[in-house]
Amino acid sequence: MCPGFKSLNRYTLLTVGSMKQAILLFTLMTAMLFMACQNAETGKSESTKAVATATSEFAPPSDGLLSPEKAKIYSDASVAVLLLSQQWIERMDKSTDTQEKILILSGFESAREQVLRKVGLAGVKEFNWITESALANPANREVAEKAGIQFADK
C-alpha cells in the first residue's frame, strides 16, 4: 500500500446513488490522473507547489464536530481516494523500475491532494482528521450515517 494512505476498511459506503457518485468520481479522477502524470514527468508544477503549501491551512474545529456538508463531502472523497488508490496500485504493480515507482508514488500523493481539494476538502490533513478523529467521536456518528457512511461494527 502507498505510504501515508489510511485504510478505509473500517467504513463502508451505502449504495444509494453510488453509481452516479462512481461515474462522477471516476471522471474526476481520470482528469486528475492525467494532470498528475504530466506533473510527475515534468517535475512539480506551480499548482502542485501551491497545493502542497495550502495543505497546512486546515485546522480541526474546536468542538470536534463534523458538519453534515463535510460528512457528505467526506463520503464522496472516500470513494474517490479508494478508486484513485486502486488505479495507482495497478500502475505500481506493472512497474519494475525503482525510479519509476518513486515517480508513481509522488504522482499519487499529488493526485490524491488534488482530488480531495476538488471534492471540497482542505486536502489530506482534513481527510485524515475526519478519518481518524471525527468518525471516532460518537457525537458525529449520526451525521456520518446520514451522509452515507456505514460503520462496520453494526
N, C-alpha and C. Protein backbone atom coordinates (compact mmCIF):
# COMPACT_ATOMS: atom_id res chain seq x y z
N MET A 1 0.84 -1.18 0.00
CA MET A 1 0.00 0.00 0.00
C MET A 1 0.88 1.23 0.00
N CYS A 2 0.37 2.32 -0.43
CA CYS A 2 1.12 3.57 -0.51
C CYS A 2 1.33 4.15 0.89
N PRO A 3 2.52 4.70 1.15
CA PRO A 3 2.77 5.30 2.46
C PRO A 3 1.83 6.48 2.68
N GLY A 4 1.37 6.64 3.89
CA GLY A 4 0.50 7.75 4.22
C GLY A 4 -0.96 7.51 3.90
N PHE A 5 -1.29 6.41 3.23
CA PHE A 5 -2.68 6.12 2.89
C PHE A 5 -3.30 5.36 4.04
N LYS A 6 -4.33 5.89 4.59
CA LYS A 6 -5.03 5.24 5.70
C LYS A 6 -6.09 4.32 5.14
N SER A 7 -6.21 3.16 5.70
CA SER A 7 -7.17 2.18 5.24
C SER A 7 -8.59 2.63 5.53
N LEU A 8 -9.48 2.38 4.60
CA LEU A 8 -10.88 2.71 4.77
C LEU A 8 -11.70 1.46 5.10
N ASN A 9 -11.02 0.39 5.51
CA ASN A 9 -11.70 -0.86 5.79
C ASN A 9 -12.71 -0.74 6.93
N ARG A 10 -12.50 0.23 7.84
CA ARG A 10 -13.42 0.36 8.97
C ARG A 10 -14.77 0.90 8.55
N TYR A 11 -14.83 1.55 7.41
CA TYR A 11 -16.05 2.22 6.98
C TYR A 11 -16.45 1.71 5.61
N THR A 12 -17.74 1.57 5.42
CA THR A 12 -18.24 1.22 4.10
C THR A 12 -19.29 2.25 3.72
N LEU A 13 -19.47 2.46 2.45
CA LEU A 13 -20.43 3.45 1.99
C LEU A 13 -21.72 2.75 1.60
N LEU A 14 -22.83 3.42 1.83
CA LEU A 14 -24.11 2.89 1.40
C LEU A 14 -24.17 2.93 -0.12
N THR A 15 -24.99 2.09 -0.70
CA THR A 15 -25.05 2.00 -2.15
C THR A 15 -26.04 2.97 -2.76
N VAL A 16 -26.78 3.73 -1.97
CA VAL A 16 -27.76 4.68 -2.50
C VAL A 16 -27.04 5.73 -3.34
N GLY A 17 -27.35 5.80 -4.61
CA GLY A 17 -26.75 6.78 -5.51
C GLY A 17 -25.29 6.53 -5.80
N SER A 18 -24.78 5.37 -5.47
CA SER A 18 -23.34 5.13 -5.62
C SER A 18 -22.91 5.05 -7.08
N MET A 19 -23.81 4.67 -7.98
CA MET A 19 -23.44 4.59 -9.39
C MET A 19 -23.17 5.99 -9.94
N LYS A 20 -24.04 6.94 -9.60
CA LYS A 20 -23.82 8.32 -10.05
C LYS A 20 -22.53 8.86 -9.44
N GLN A 21 -22.32 8.58 -8.15
CA GLN A 21 -21.09 9.02 -7.48
C GLN A 21 -19.88 8.41 -8.16
N ALA A 22 -19.95 7.13 -8.44
CA ALA A 22 -18.80 6.43 -9.01
C ALA A 22 -18.47 6.99 -10.39
N ILE A 23 -19.47 7.26 -11.20
CA ILE A 23 -19.22 7.81 -12.54
C ILE A 23 -18.62 9.20 -12.43
N LEU A 24 -19.19 10.04 -11.58
CA LEU A 24 -18.68 11.39 -11.40
C LEU A 24 -17.24 11.36 -10.88
N LEU A 25 -17.00 10.55 -9.87
CA LEU A 25 -15.67 10.48 -9.28
C LEU A 25 -14.66 9.85 -10.22
N PHE A 26 -15.09 8.86 -11.00
CA PHE A 26 -14.18 8.24 -11.96
C PHE A 26 -13.75 9.27 -13.01
N THR A 27 -14.70 10.07 -13.47
CA THR A 27 -14.37 11.11 -14.45
C THR A 27 -13.40 12.12 -13.85
N LEU A 28 -13.68 12.54 -12.63
CA LEU A 28 -12.81 13.49 -11.95
C LEU A 28 -11.41 12.91 -11.75
N MET A 29 -11.35 11.67 -11.31
CA MET A 29 -10.05 11.04 -11.05
C MET A 29 -9.27 10.80 -12.34
N THR A 30 -9.95 10.50 -13.42
CA THR A 30 -9.25 10.31 -14.69
C THR A 30 -8.57 11.61 -15.10
N ALA A 31 -9.28 12.71 -14.95
CA ALA A 31 -8.68 14.01 -15.27
C ALA A 31 -7.50 14.29 -14.35
N MET A 32 -7.65 13.98 -13.07
CA MET A 32 -6.57 14.19 -12.11
C MET A 32 -5.37 13.29 -12.42
N LEU A 33 -5.65 12.08 -12.86
CA LEU A 33 -4.59 11.14 -13.20
C LEU A 33 -3.73 11.69 -14.33
N PHE A 34 -4.37 12.22 -15.36
CA PHE A 34 -3.60 12.78 -16.47
C PHE A 34 -2.79 13.99 -16.01
N MET A 35 -3.38 14.84 -15.18
CA MET A 35 -2.66 16.01 -14.68
C MET A 35 -1.47 15.59 -13.83
N ALA A 36 -1.67 14.60 -12.98
CA ALA A 36 -0.59 14.14 -12.10
C ALA A 36 0.53 13.46 -12.91
N CYS A 37 0.15 12.72 -13.94
CA CYS A 37 1.17 12.09 -14.78
C CYS A 37 2.04 13.14 -15.46
N GLN A 38 1.42 14.21 -15.92
CA GLN A 38 2.18 15.28 -16.54
C GLN A 38 3.10 15.93 -15.52
N ASN A 39 2.61 16.12 -14.29
CA ASN A 39 3.42 16.72 -13.24
C ASN A 39 4.59 15.81 -12.86
N ALA A 40 4.36 14.52 -12.83
CA ALA A 40 5.41 13.58 -12.46
C ALA A 40 6.52 13.56 -13.52
N GLU A 41 6.14 13.72 -14.77
CA GLU A 41 7.12 13.68 -15.85
C GLU A 41 7.92 14.98 -15.93
N THR A 42 7.29 16.10 -15.64
CA THR A 42 7.97 17.39 -15.80
C THR A 42 8.44 17.98 -14.48
N GLY A 43 8.27 17.29 -13.39
CA GLY A 43 8.61 17.83 -12.07
C GLY A 43 7.39 18.52 -11.51
N LYS A 44 7.50 19.04 -10.32
CA LYS A 44 6.35 19.67 -9.68
C LYS A 44 6.07 21.02 -10.33
N SER A 45 4.82 21.20 -10.70
CA SER A 45 4.42 22.46 -11.31
C SER A 45 4.06 23.46 -10.21
N GLU A 46 3.75 24.67 -10.62
CA GLU A 46 3.36 25.70 -9.66
C GLU A 46 2.09 25.32 -8.91
N SER A 47 1.12 24.72 -9.62
CA SER A 47 -0.13 24.35 -8.96
C SER A 47 0.11 23.28 -7.92
N THR A 48 1.00 22.34 -8.18
CA THR A 48 1.31 21.31 -7.20
C THR A 48 1.98 21.91 -5.98
N LYS A 49 2.87 22.86 -6.19
CA LYS A 49 3.51 23.54 -5.07
C LYS A 49 2.50 24.32 -4.26
N ALA A 50 1.54 24.95 -4.92
CA ALA A 50 0.50 25.69 -4.21
C ALA A 50 -0.37 24.76 -3.39
N VAL A 51 -0.70 23.59 -3.94
CA VAL A 51 -1.50 22.61 -3.21
C VAL A 51 -0.73 22.13 -1.98
N ALA A 52 0.55 21.85 -2.14
CA ALA A 52 1.35 21.39 -1.01
C ALA A 52 1.45 22.45 0.08
N THR A 53 1.54 23.70 -0.31
CA THR A 53 1.61 24.79 0.66
C THR A 53 0.27 24.97 1.37
N ALA A 54 -0.82 24.83 0.64
CA ALA A 54 -2.14 25.04 1.22
C ALA A 54 -2.55 23.92 2.16
N THR A 55 -1.88 22.79 2.13
CA THR A 55 -2.22 21.66 2.99
C THR A 55 -2.15 22.03 4.46
N SER A 56 -1.22 22.89 4.83
CA SER A 56 -1.04 23.23 6.23
C SER A 56 -2.13 24.18 6.74
N GLU A 57 -3.04 24.64 5.88
CA GLU A 57 -4.06 25.59 6.28
C GLU A 57 -5.17 24.98 7.13
N PHE A 58 -5.43 23.71 7.06
CA PHE A 58 -6.55 23.11 7.78
C PHE A 58 -6.31 23.06 9.27
N ALA A 59 -7.32 23.46 10.02
CA ALA A 59 -7.32 23.33 11.47
C ALA A 59 -8.65 22.71 11.87
N PRO A 60 -8.63 21.64 12.66
CA PRO A 60 -9.89 20.99 13.05
C PRO A 60 -10.77 21.95 13.85
N PRO A 61 -12.09 21.79 13.75
CA PRO A 61 -12.97 22.65 14.53
C PRO A 61 -12.74 22.43 16.03
N SER A 62 -12.88 23.49 16.78
CA SER A 62 -12.59 23.41 18.23
C SER A 62 -13.55 22.47 18.96
N ASP A 63 -14.79 22.34 18.46
CA ASP A 63 -15.74 21.45 19.13
C ASP A 63 -15.61 20.00 18.66
N GLY A 64 -14.84 19.76 17.60
CA GLY A 64 -14.60 18.40 17.10
C GLY A 64 -15.78 17.81 16.36
N LEU A 65 -16.80 18.63 16.07
CA LEU A 65 -17.99 18.12 15.41
C LEU A 65 -17.88 18.23 13.89
N LEU A 66 -18.47 17.28 13.23
CA LEU A 66 -18.47 17.17 11.78
C LEU A 66 -19.79 17.73 11.26
N SER A 67 -19.71 18.67 10.33
CA SER A 67 -20.94 19.24 9.76
C SER A 67 -21.53 18.25 8.76
N PRO A 68 -22.84 18.31 8.54
CA PRO A 68 -23.46 17.41 7.55
C PRO A 68 -22.86 17.59 6.15
N GLU A 69 -22.51 18.83 5.79
CA GLU A 69 -21.94 19.08 4.47
C GLU A 69 -20.56 18.40 4.34
N LYS A 70 -19.74 18.54 5.38
CA LYS A 70 -18.40 17.93 5.35
C LYS A 70 -18.50 16.41 5.37
N ALA A 71 -19.49 15.88 6.08
CA ALA A 71 -19.68 14.43 6.12
C ALA A 71 -20.01 13.90 4.73
N LYS A 72 -20.87 14.61 3.99
CA LYS A 72 -21.24 14.20 2.64
C LYS A 72 -20.03 14.31 1.71
N ILE A 73 -19.28 15.41 1.84
CA ILE A 73 -18.08 15.58 1.03
C ILE A 73 -17.07 14.48 1.33
N TYR A 74 -16.92 14.14 2.61
CA TYR A 74 -16.00 13.08 3.01
C TYR A 74 -16.43 11.74 2.40
N SER A 75 -17.74 11.49 2.39
CA SER A 75 -18.25 10.26 1.79
C SER A 75 -17.85 10.16 0.32
N ASP A 76 -18.02 11.26 -0.42
CA ASP A 76 -17.62 11.29 -1.83
C ASP A 76 -16.10 11.16 -1.96
N ALA A 77 -15.38 11.85 -1.09
CA ALA A 77 -13.91 11.82 -1.14
C ALA A 77 -13.38 10.43 -0.86
N SER A 78 -14.02 9.70 0.03
CA SER A 78 -13.58 8.34 0.35
C SER A 78 -13.65 7.44 -0.87
N VAL A 79 -14.74 7.55 -1.61
CA VAL A 79 -14.88 6.76 -2.84
C VAL A 79 -13.80 7.16 -3.83
N ALA A 80 -13.58 8.47 -3.97
CA ALA A 80 -12.58 8.97 -4.92
C ALA A 80 -11.19 8.47 -4.57
N VAL A 81 -10.82 8.55 -3.28
CA VAL A 81 -9.49 8.11 -2.86
C VAL A 81 -9.33 6.60 -3.04
N LEU A 82 -10.37 5.86 -2.77
CA LEU A 82 -10.31 4.41 -2.95
C LEU A 82 -10.10 4.05 -4.42
N LEU A 83 -10.87 4.67 -5.32
CA LEU A 83 -10.71 4.39 -6.75
C LEU A 83 -9.35 4.86 -7.26
N LEU A 84 -8.93 6.02 -6.79
CA LEU A 84 -7.61 6.54 -7.19
C LEU A 84 -6.51 5.60 -6.73
N SER A 85 -6.60 5.12 -5.51
CA SER A 85 -5.59 4.21 -4.96
C SER A 85 -5.50 2.93 -5.78
N GLN A 86 -6.65 2.41 -6.16
CA GLN A 86 -6.66 1.18 -6.96
C GLN A 86 -5.95 1.39 -8.29
N GLN A 87 -6.20 2.54 -8.92
CA GLN A 87 -5.55 2.83 -10.21
C GLN A 87 -4.04 2.94 -10.04
N TRP A 88 -3.60 3.61 -8.98
CA TRP A 88 -2.17 3.83 -8.80
C TRP A 88 -1.46 2.56 -8.33
N ILE A 89 -2.14 1.73 -7.58
CA ILE A 89 -1.55 0.45 -7.17
C ILE A 89 -1.32 -0.43 -8.40
N GLU A 90 -2.28 -0.40 -9.33
CA GLU A 90 -2.11 -1.16 -10.56
C GLU A 90 -0.89 -0.66 -11.34
N ARG A 91 -0.70 0.66 -11.37
CA ARG A 91 0.47 1.22 -12.04
C ARG A 91 1.75 0.77 -11.35
N MET A 92 1.73 0.76 -10.01
CA MET A 92 2.91 0.34 -9.25
C MET A 92 3.24 -1.13 -9.53
N ASP A 93 2.21 -1.95 -9.57
CA ASP A 93 2.42 -3.38 -9.81
C ASP A 93 3.00 -3.65 -11.20
N LYS A 94 2.64 -2.85 -12.18
CA LYS A 94 3.13 -3.04 -13.54
C LYS A 94 4.56 -2.56 -13.72
N SER A 95 4.99 -1.65 -12.86
CA SER A 95 6.33 -1.07 -12.97
C SER A 95 7.37 -1.98 -12.34
N THR A 96 8.52 -2.09 -13.00
CA THR A 96 9.62 -2.87 -12.45
C THR A 96 10.80 -1.98 -12.06
N ASP A 97 10.80 -0.76 -12.53
CA ASP A 97 11.88 0.18 -12.27
C ASP A 97 11.65 0.95 -10.97
N THR A 98 12.64 0.98 -10.10
CA THR A 98 12.53 1.66 -8.81
C THR A 98 12.29 3.15 -8.97
N GLN A 99 13.00 3.79 -9.87
CA GLN A 99 12.82 5.22 -10.09
C GLN A 99 11.40 5.54 -10.58
N GLU A 100 10.89 4.69 -11.43
CA GLU A 100 9.53 4.89 -11.93
C GLU A 100 8.53 4.73 -10.78
N LYS A 101 8.76 3.79 -9.89
CA LYS A 101 7.87 3.61 -8.74
C LYS A 101 7.88 4.83 -7.83
N ILE A 102 9.04 5.44 -7.67
CA ILE A 102 9.14 6.67 -6.87
C ILE A 102 8.34 7.79 -7.52
N LEU A 103 8.43 7.91 -8.83
CA LEU A 103 7.65 8.92 -9.55
C LEU A 103 6.15 8.63 -9.44
N ILE A 104 5.78 7.37 -9.49
CA ILE A 104 4.38 7.00 -9.37
C ILE A 104 3.85 7.37 -7.99
N LEU A 105 4.62 7.08 -6.94
CA LEU A 105 4.20 7.45 -5.58
C LEU A 105 4.06 8.95 -5.43
N SER A 106 5.00 9.68 -5.97
CA SER A 106 4.94 11.13 -5.91
C SER A 106 3.70 11.65 -6.65
N GLY A 107 3.44 11.06 -7.78
CA GLY A 107 2.26 11.44 -8.56
C GLY A 107 0.98 11.11 -7.83
N PHE A 108 0.96 9.96 -7.12
CA PHE A 108 -0.23 9.58 -6.36
C PHE A 108 -0.51 10.59 -5.26
N GLU A 109 0.52 10.98 -4.52
CA GLU A 109 0.32 11.93 -3.44
C GLU A 109 -0.23 13.25 -3.97
N SER A 110 0.29 13.69 -5.09
CA SER A 110 -0.18 14.93 -5.71
C SER A 110 -1.62 14.77 -6.21
N ALA A 111 -1.91 13.66 -6.86
CA ALA A 111 -3.26 13.43 -7.39
C ALA A 111 -4.27 13.30 -6.25
N ARG A 112 -3.90 12.62 -5.17
CA ARG A 112 -4.80 12.47 -4.02
C ARG A 112 -5.13 13.83 -3.42
N GLU A 113 -4.13 14.66 -3.27
CA GLU A 113 -4.34 16.01 -2.73
C GLU A 113 -5.28 16.81 -3.64
N GLN A 114 -5.06 16.73 -4.94
CA GLN A 114 -5.90 17.46 -5.89
C GLN A 114 -7.33 16.95 -5.88
N VAL A 115 -7.51 15.64 -5.84
CA VAL A 115 -8.86 15.07 -5.82
C VAL A 115 -9.59 15.52 -4.56
N LEU A 116 -8.93 15.46 -3.41
CA LEU A 116 -9.57 15.86 -2.16
C LEU A 116 -9.98 17.33 -2.19
N ARG A 117 -9.15 18.15 -2.77
CA ARG A 117 -9.48 19.58 -2.87
C ARG A 117 -10.62 19.81 -3.86
N LYS A 118 -10.64 19.06 -4.96
CA LYS A 118 -11.69 19.22 -5.96
C LYS A 118 -13.07 18.84 -5.40
N VAL A 119 -13.13 17.83 -4.53
CA VAL A 119 -14.42 17.44 -3.97
C VAL A 119 -14.84 18.33 -2.81
N GLY A 120 -13.94 19.17 -2.30
CA GLY A 120 -14.33 20.15 -1.30
C GLY A 120 -13.67 20.07 0.06
N LEU A 121 -12.70 19.18 0.22
CA LEU A 121 -11.97 19.12 1.49
C LEU A 121 -10.72 19.99 1.41
N ALA A 122 -10.13 20.27 2.56
CA ALA A 122 -8.90 21.07 2.61
C ALA A 122 -7.67 20.18 2.47
N GLY A 123 -7.77 19.14 1.68
CA GLY A 123 -6.64 18.28 1.40
C GLY A 123 -6.55 17.08 2.33
N VAL A 124 -5.37 16.48 2.33
CA VAL A 124 -5.12 15.24 3.07
C VAL A 124 -5.25 15.46 4.58
N LYS A 125 -4.84 16.62 5.06
CA LYS A 125 -4.93 16.88 6.50
C LYS A 125 -6.37 16.79 6.99
N GLU A 126 -7.30 17.39 6.27
CA GLU A 126 -8.70 17.34 6.69
C GLU A 126 -9.26 15.93 6.53
N PHE A 127 -8.92 15.27 5.42
CA PHE A 127 -9.39 13.91 5.19
C PHE A 127 -8.93 12.99 6.32
N ASN A 128 -7.66 13.10 6.71
CA ASN A 128 -7.13 12.28 7.79
C ASN A 128 -7.77 12.62 9.14
N TRP A 129 -8.05 13.91 9.38
CA TRP A 129 -8.70 14.29 10.64
C TRP A 129 -10.08 13.66 10.72
N ILE A 130 -10.84 13.71 9.63
CA ILE A 130 -12.18 13.12 9.64
C ILE A 130 -12.07 11.61 9.86
N THR A 131 -11.15 10.96 9.14
CA THR A 131 -10.99 9.51 9.24
C THR A 131 -10.59 9.08 10.65
N GLU A 132 -9.60 9.76 11.21
CA GLU A 132 -9.02 9.31 12.47
C GLU A 132 -9.70 9.86 13.72
N SER A 133 -10.19 11.10 13.66
CA SER A 133 -10.73 11.73 14.86
C SER A 133 -12.25 11.93 14.81
N ALA A 134 -12.73 12.58 13.75
CA ALA A 134 -14.15 12.94 13.70
C ALA A 134 -15.05 11.71 13.69
N LEU A 135 -14.70 10.68 12.91
CA LEU A 135 -15.54 9.50 12.85
C LEU A 135 -15.43 8.64 14.10
N ALA A 136 -14.37 8.82 14.87
CA ALA A 136 -14.22 8.10 16.13
C ALA A 136 -15.03 8.75 17.25
N ASN A 137 -15.44 10.00 17.04
CA ASN A 137 -16.21 10.74 18.03
C ASN A 137 -17.68 10.29 17.94
N PRO A 138 -18.24 9.72 19.03
CA PRO A 138 -19.63 9.26 18.99
C PRO A 138 -20.64 10.36 18.65
N ALA A 139 -20.30 11.61 18.93
CA ALA A 139 -21.20 12.73 18.62
C ALA A 139 -21.37 12.92 17.12
N ASN A 140 -20.44 12.42 16.33
CA ASN A 140 -20.50 12.58 14.87
C ASN A 140 -21.13 11.38 14.16
N ARG A 141 -21.45 10.35 14.89
CA ARG A 141 -21.92 9.11 14.26
C ARG A 141 -23.21 9.30 13.46
N GLU A 142 -24.18 9.97 14.03
CA GLU A 142 -25.46 10.15 13.34
C GLU A 142 -25.30 10.98 12.07
N VAL A 143 -24.52 12.05 12.15
CA VAL A 143 -24.26 12.89 10.98
C VAL A 143 -23.57 12.08 9.89
N ALA A 144 -22.60 11.27 10.27
CA ALA A 144 -21.87 10.45 9.30
C ALA A 144 -22.79 9.42 8.64
N GLU A 145 -23.64 8.78 9.44
CA GLU A 145 -24.55 7.78 8.88
C GLU A 145 -25.55 8.41 7.91
N LYS A 146 -26.03 9.62 8.22
CA LYS A 146 -26.94 10.32 7.31
C LYS A 146 -26.26 10.69 6.00
N ALA A 147 -24.94 10.87 6.04
CA ALA A 147 -24.18 11.22 4.84
C ALA A 147 -23.86 9.99 4.00
N GLY A 148 -24.18 8.81 4.48
CA GLY A 148 -23.94 7.60 3.70
C GLY A 148 -22.76 6.77 4.17
N ILE A 149 -22.20 7.10 5.31
CA ILE A 149 -21.08 6.33 5.84
C ILE A 149 -21.65 5.30 6.80
N GLN A 150 -21.38 4.05 6.52
CA GLN A 150 -21.88 2.97 7.35
C GLN A 150 -20.71 2.40 8.13
N PHE A 151 -20.87 2.28 9.42
CA PHE A 151 -19.79 1.79 10.28
C PHE A 151 -19.83 0.27 10.30
N ALA A 152 -18.65 -0.33 10.31
CA ALA A 152 -18.51 -1.78 10.22
C ALA A 152 -18.96 -2.51 11.48
N ASP A 153 -19.03 -1.83 12.60
CA ASP A 153 -19.35 -2.51 13.85
C ASP A 153 -20.83 -2.77 14.04
N LYS A 154 -21.66 -2.45 13.06
CA LYS A 154 -23.10 -2.71 13.16
C LYS A 154 -23.41 -4.15 12.84
